[in-house]
Amino acid sequence: MTASIQLPHASAEVQYLLRIGDTALILAQRLAEWCGHAPVLEEDIALANMALDLVGQARALLTRAGQLEGLGDGQALDEDQLAFLRDERDYRNATLAELPRGDFAFTTLRNLFAATWFKLLWEHLRESTDADLAATAGKAVKEARYHQQHAADWVVRLADGTAESRARTEAALDALWRYTPELFDDDAVDIAAEAAGLGPRRSVLREAWRADVAAVFAEAGLALPKEAAFRSTGMRGVHSEHMGFVLAEMQHLQRSFPGGVW
């Protein structure tokens, strides 16, 4: 079993990048679980392609984070080490991404929430003082816009469909909404990133995100729920009980066959 990589003193800059990259990585893992299980073949392919887009975004962010973090001897960490050899508490993804796959309504609504957040974030990150991050954002924003539109179309279709699809959409909303405030809660990492010109504070995205989601909900005949007091904490390394199961599956091959290549 390969020893884990520890990041006990990761800088605010690295943590900021990991929050974005890890959220993309873990959401991609959840979307990949639909491969062979989607309700129609077209959606099976669409969800797999979106998962691949997110993996590509994660690779770019983890690579940049690894260049900045390193091993303390001038050697950079690579994307595979950061993806497969960290322990749970060193991941910084939003809790929303790690929740179990759920049904198709749950997946499409989560995709709407996440893709809208990513789209707005990438738009800001195109102006990052980090040239590598800005270049990644320029490509990723196009993917996020497609992901958002795809999810929005399905949310409207399901909410305005049969009694069953409407009920499932409403159940998904009840389950997911409590996890959305985490996407916009600032802390010292956000403040440092903004001060350095790396990227925006999460709270900057809140109003635009709510406006985009509200527009979709209006077409779907759904109302924005009230914000709950509950706050999830995955971006600070404190995860739900589901995260360990995601990592056990995702990391199994690398930890069983260290350094294995195809």
Protein backbone atom coordinates (compact mmCIF):
# COMPACT_ATOMS: atom_id res chain seq x y z
CA MET A 1 0.00 0.00 0.00
CA THR A 2 1.50 3.31 -1.08
CA ALA A 3 1.95 5.84 1.69
CA SER A 4 -0.27 8.89 1.57
CA ILE A 5 0.98 12.32 0.62
CA GLN A 6 0.53 14.80 3.43
CA LEU A 7 -0.18 18.49 2.86
CA PRO A 8 -0.16 19.86 6.40
CA HIS A 9 1.08 23.31 5.50
CA ALA A 10 -0.43 23.91 2.07
CA SER A 11 -0.49 27.62 1.26
CA ALA A 12 -3.72 29.52 0.75
CA GLU A 13 -2.91 29.62 -2.97
CA VAL A 14 -2.61 25.84 -3.17
CA GLN A 15 -5.75 25.30 -1.11
CA TYR A 16 -7.66 27.64 -3.41
CA LEU A 17 -6.62 25.63 -6.46
CA LEU A 18 -7.39 22.34 -4.73
CA ARG A 19 -10.91 23.50 -3.87
CA ILE A 20 -11.66 23.95 -7.55
CA GLY A 21 -9.72 20.95 -8.83
CA ASP A 22 -10.99 18.55 -6.17
CA THR A 23 -14.60 19.60 -6.72
CA ALA A 24 -14.21 18.88 -10.44
CA LEU A 25 -12.46 15.57 -9.74
CA ILE A 26 -14.98 14.19 -7.26
CA LEU A 27 -17.98 15.33 -9.30
CA ALA A 28 -16.44 13.60 -12.32
CA GLN A 29 -16.20 10.41 -10.29
CA ARG A 30 -19.90 10.62 -9.43
CA LEU A 31 -20.89 11.32 -13.03
CA ALA A 32 -18.77 8.39 -14.22
CA GLU A 33 -20.96 6.11 -12.10
CA TRP A 34 -23.71 6.67 -14.68
CA CYS A 35 -21.70 4.98 -17.43
CA GLY A 36 -23.93 2.15 -18.62
CA HIS A 37 -26.76 3.16 -16.29
CA ALA A 38 -28.28 6.35 -17.72
CA PRO A 39 -31.97 6.26 -18.72
CA VAL A 40 -31.19 6.65 -22.44
CA LEU A 41 -28.06 6.04 -24.49
CA GLU A 42 -27.62 9.68 -25.43
CA GLU A 43 -27.49 10.68 -21.77
CA ASP A 44 -25.09 7.85 -20.99
CA ILE A 45 -22.68 9.39 -23.50
CA ALA A 46 -23.39 12.99 -22.44
CA LEU A 47 -22.73 12.33 -18.75
CA ALA A 48 -19.54 10.42 -19.55
CA ASN A 49 -18.32 13.29 -21.71
CA MET A 50 -19.07 15.82 -18.98
CA ALA A 51 -17.15 13.66 -16.52
CA LEU A 52 -14.18 13.70 -18.90
CA ASP A 53 -14.39 17.50 -19.18
CA LEU A 54 -14.27 17.73 -15.39
CA VAL A 55 -11.32 15.33 -15.21
CA GLY A 56 -9.49 17.54 -17.68
CA GLN A 57 -10.18 20.60 -15.54
CA ALA A 58 -9.08 18.72 -12.42
CA ARG A 59 -5.84 17.64 -14.10
CA ALA A 60 -4.94 21.23 -14.96
CA LEU A 61 -5.71 22.52 -11.45
CA LEU A 62 -3.96 19.66 -9.64
CA THR A 63 -0.93 19.99 -11.88
CA ARG A 64 -0.67 23.69 -11.07
CA ALA A 65 -1.21 23.05 -7.35
CA GLY A 66 1.50 20.39 -7.42
CA GLN A 67 3.94 22.78 -9.04
CA LEU A 68 3.33 25.29 -6.26
CA GLU A 69 3.29 22.80 -3.37
CA GLY A 70 6.07 20.35 -4.23
CA LEU A 71 7.76 17.89 -1.87
CA GLY A 72 10.04 20.38 -0.17
CA ASP A 73 13.09 19.31 -2.22
CA GLY A 74 12.36 21.17 -5.42
CA GLN A 75 10.37 18.26 -6.83
CA ALA A 76 6.80 19.03 -7.88
CA LEU A 77 3.87 16.82 -7.04
CA ASP A 78 2.12 15.54 -10.13
CA GLU A 79 -1.60 15.30 -10.83
CA ASP A 80 -1.75 11.56 -10.16
CA GLN A 81 -0.11 11.85 -6.76
CA LEU A 82 -2.55 14.55 -5.70
CA ALA A 83 -5.55 12.69 -7.10
CA PHE A 84 -4.79 9.24 -5.73
CA LEU A 85 -2.44 9.52 -2.74
CA ARG A 86 -4.06 12.04 -0.42
CA ASP A 87 -6.12 11.11 2.61
CA GLU A 88 -9.68 12.32 3.01
CA ARG A 89 -8.88 15.35 5.17
CA ASP A 90 -6.50 16.72 2.51
CA TYR A 91 -9.23 16.95 -0.13
CA ARG A 92 -10.90 20.34 -0.49
CA ASN A 93 -13.93 19.61 -2.67
CA ALA A 94 -17.38 20.99 -2.02
CA THR A 95 -19.51 18.47 -0.14
CA LEU A 96 -22.14 18.79 -2.87
CA ALA A 97 -19.84 16.89 -5.25
CA GLU A 98 -19.29 13.87 -3.00
CA LEU A 99 -22.91 13.05 -2.25
CA PRO A 100 -24.03 9.66 -3.63
CA ARG A 101 -25.06 9.49 -7.27
CA GLY A 102 -28.79 9.40 -6.55
CA ASP A 103 -31.39 9.15 -9.31
CA PHE A 104 -31.36 11.02 -12.61
CA ALA A 105 -33.26 14.01 -11.21
CA PHE A 106 -30.72 14.30 -8.37
CA THR A 107 -27.84 14.17 -10.86
CA THR A 108 -29.27 16.77 -13.23
CA LEU A 109 -30.09 19.20 -10.42
CA ARG A 110 -26.66 18.78 -8.85
CA ASN A 111 -25.13 19.36 -12.28
CA LEU A 112 -27.12 22.57 -12.61
CA PHE A 113 -25.88 23.86 -9.26
CA ALA A 114 -22.26 22.83 -9.85
CA ALA A 115 -22.03 23.86 -13.51
CA THR A 116 -23.49 27.29 -12.79
CA TRP A 117 -20.91 27.78 -10.03
CA PHE A 118 -18.07 26.58 -12.25
CA LYS A 119 -19.20 28.77 -15.16
CA LEU A 120 -19.20 31.93 -13.03
CA LEU A 121 -15.92 31.02 -11.37
CA TRP A 122 -14.14 30.28 -14.65
CA GLU A 123 -15.36 33.60 -16.05
CA HIS A 124 -13.61 35.39 -13.19
CA LEU A 125 -10.51 33.20 -13.37
CA ARG A 126 -9.83 34.20 -16.97
CA GLU A 127 -8.49 37.40 -15.38
CA SER A 128 -6.28 35.60 -12.84
CA THR A 129 -2.76 36.86 -12.31
CA ASP A 130 -1.67 33.21 -12.58
CA ALA A 131 -1.20 32.74 -16.33
CA ASP A 132 -1.65 28.96 -16.15
CA LEU A 133 -4.92 29.28 -14.27
CA ALA A 134 -6.19 31.98 -16.63
CA ALA A 135 -5.43 29.76 -19.63
CA THR A 136 -7.25 26.82 -18.06
CA ALA A 137 -10.25 29.02 -17.32
CA GLY A 138 -10.45 30.21 -20.92
CA LYS A 139 -11.10 26.65 -22.10
CA ALA A 140 -13.06 25.41 -19.10
CA VAL A 141 -15.67 28.17 -19.19
CA LYS A 142 -16.90 26.91 -22.57
CA GLU A 143 -17.34 23.42 -21.15
CA ALA A 144 -19.11 24.70 -18.05
CA ARG A 145 -21.57 26.69 -20.16
CA TYR A 146 -22.52 23.53 -22.03
CA HIS A 147 -22.83 21.56 -18.78
CA GLN A 148 -25.08 24.25 -17.35
CA GLN A 149 -27.35 24.39 -20.40
CA HIS A 150 -27.61 20.61 -20.56
CA ALA A 151 -28.57 20.39 -16.89
CA ALA A 152 -30.99 23.31 -17.15
CA ASP A 153 -32.82 21.71 -20.06
CA TRP A 154 -33.26 18.49 -18.11
CA VAL A 155 -34.36 20.20 -14.90
CA VAL A 156 -37.12 21.99 -16.82
CA ARG A 157 -38.07 18.81 -18.64
CA LEU A 158 -38.30 16.76 -15.46
CA ALA A 159 -40.04 19.39 -13.32
CA ASP A 160 -42.59 20.05 -16.06
CA GLY A 161 -43.03 16.38 -17.01
CA THR A 162 -44.93 13.61 -15.30
CA ALA A 163 -46.08 13.55 -11.69
CA GLU A 164 -43.26 11.09 -11.00
CA SER A 165 -40.52 13.22 -12.58
CA ARG A 166 -41.83 16.31 -10.78
CA ALA A 167 -41.84 14.51 -7.42
CA ARG A 168 -38.30 13.25 -7.96
CA THR A 169 -37.08 16.73 -8.89
CA GLU A 170 -38.64 18.24 -5.78
CA ALA A 171 -37.13 15.47 -3.63
CA ALA A 172 -33.71 16.16 -5.15
CA LEU A 173 -34.10 19.87 -4.41
CA ASP A 174 -34.94 19.12 -0.78
CA ALA A 175 -31.84 16.95 -0.48
CA LEU A 176 -29.36 19.19 -2.30
CA TRP A 177 -30.23 22.76 -1.40
CA ARG A 178 -28.73 22.63 2.08
CA TYR A 179 -25.29 21.99 0.56
CA THR A 180 -25.23 25.02 -1.74
CA PRO A 181 -24.29 27.74 0.82
CA GLU A 182 -20.83 26.19 1.14
CA LEU A 183 -20.13 27.28 -2.43
CA PHE A 184 -20.23 30.94 -1.32
CA ASP A 185 -18.85 31.04 2.23
CA ASP A 186 -15.62 33.05 2.36
CA ASP A 187 -12.71 32.29 4.63
CA ALA A 188 -9.04 33.22 4.90
CA VAL A 189 -8.16 31.20 1.79
CA ASP A 190 -10.59 33.20 -0.34
CA ILE A 191 -9.42 36.50 1.06
CA ALA A 192 -5.78 35.65 0.37
CA ALA A 193 -6.56 34.50 -3.18
CA GLU A 194 -8.41 37.71 -3.95
CA ALA A 195 -5.64 39.85 -2.47
CA ALA A 196 -3.05 38.07 -4.62
CA GLY A 197 -5.15 38.40 -7.76
CA LEU A 198 -5.38 34.61 -8.06
CA GLY A 199 -9.17 34.50 -8.11
CA PRO A 200 -12.37 35.84 -6.56
CA ARG A 201 -13.81 35.22 -3.15
CA ARG A 202 -16.60 32.66 -3.31
CA SER A 203 -19.16 35.16 -2.05
CA VAL A 204 -18.66 37.23 -5.22
CA LEU A 205 -20.44 34.48 -7.16
CA ARG A 206 -23.51 34.21 -4.94
CA GLU A 207 -25.93 36.72 -6.51
CA ALA A 208 -25.18 35.79 -10.10
CA TRP A 209 -25.51 32.10 -9.23
CA ARG A 210 -28.88 32.65 -7.57
CA ALA A 211 -30.07 34.68 -10.56
CA ASP A 212 -29.06 31.96 -13.05
CA VAL A 213 -30.64 29.19 -10.99
CA ALA A 214 -33.78 31.26 -10.37
CA ALA A 215 -34.22 31.77 -14.12
CA VAL A 216 -34.14 28.00 -14.69
CA PHE A 217 -36.47 27.41 -11.76
CA ALA A 218 -38.95 29.96 -13.07
CA GLU A 219 -39.16 28.08 -16.36
CA ALA A 220 -39.48 24.79 -14.47
CA GLY A 221 -42.13 26.09 -12.08
CA LEU A 222 -39.89 25.65 -9.05
CA ALA A 223 -39.24 28.14 -6.25
CA LEU A 224 -35.87 28.88 -4.68
CA PRO A 225 -35.94 27.47 -1.13
CA LYS A 226 -34.91 29.57 1.84
CA GLU A 227 -31.29 29.30 2.87
CA ALA A 228 -30.81 26.96 5.83
CA ALA A 229 -28.47 27.53 8.76
CA PHE A 230 -26.62 24.27 8.02
CA ARG A 231 -23.14 24.61 6.52
CA SER A 232 -21.22 21.74 4.97
CA THR A 233 -17.43 21.90 5.28
CA GLY A 234 -15.86 19.78 2.55
CA MET A 235 -13.84 22.73 1.24
CA ARG A 236 -12.16 22.89 4.63
CA GLY A 237 -11.33 19.18 4.62
CA VAL A 238 -14.19 18.00 6.85
CA HIS A 239 -16.32 15.73 4.69
CA SER A 240 -19.53 13.76 4.80
CA GLU A 241 -19.61 10.03 5.47
CA HIS A 242 -19.79 9.45 1.72
CA MET A 243 -16.33 10.77 0.86
CA GLY A 244 -14.41 7.75 2.16
CA PHE A 245 -16.36 5.43 -0.13
CA VAL A 246 -15.61 7.61 -3.17
CA LEU A 247 -11.89 7.60 -2.40
CA ALA A 248 -11.77 3.87 -1.67
CA GLU A 249 -13.00 3.17 -5.17
CA MET A 250 -11.10 5.95 -6.90
CA GLN A 251 -7.73 5.21 -5.25
CA HIS A 252 -7.85 1.41 -5.17
CA LEU A 253 -5.82 0.69 -8.31
CA GLN A 254 -3.06 3.21 -7.63
CA ARG A 255 -2.62 2.14 -4.03
CA SER A 256 -2.72 -1.56 -4.91
CA PHE A 257 -0.20 -1.24 -7.76
CA PRO A 258 2.01 1.76 -6.87
CA GLY A 259 3.33 3.63 -9.85
CA GLY A 260 1.55 1.35 -12.28
CA VAL A 261 1.34 2.50 -15.90
CA TRP A 262 -0.67 1.24 -18.85
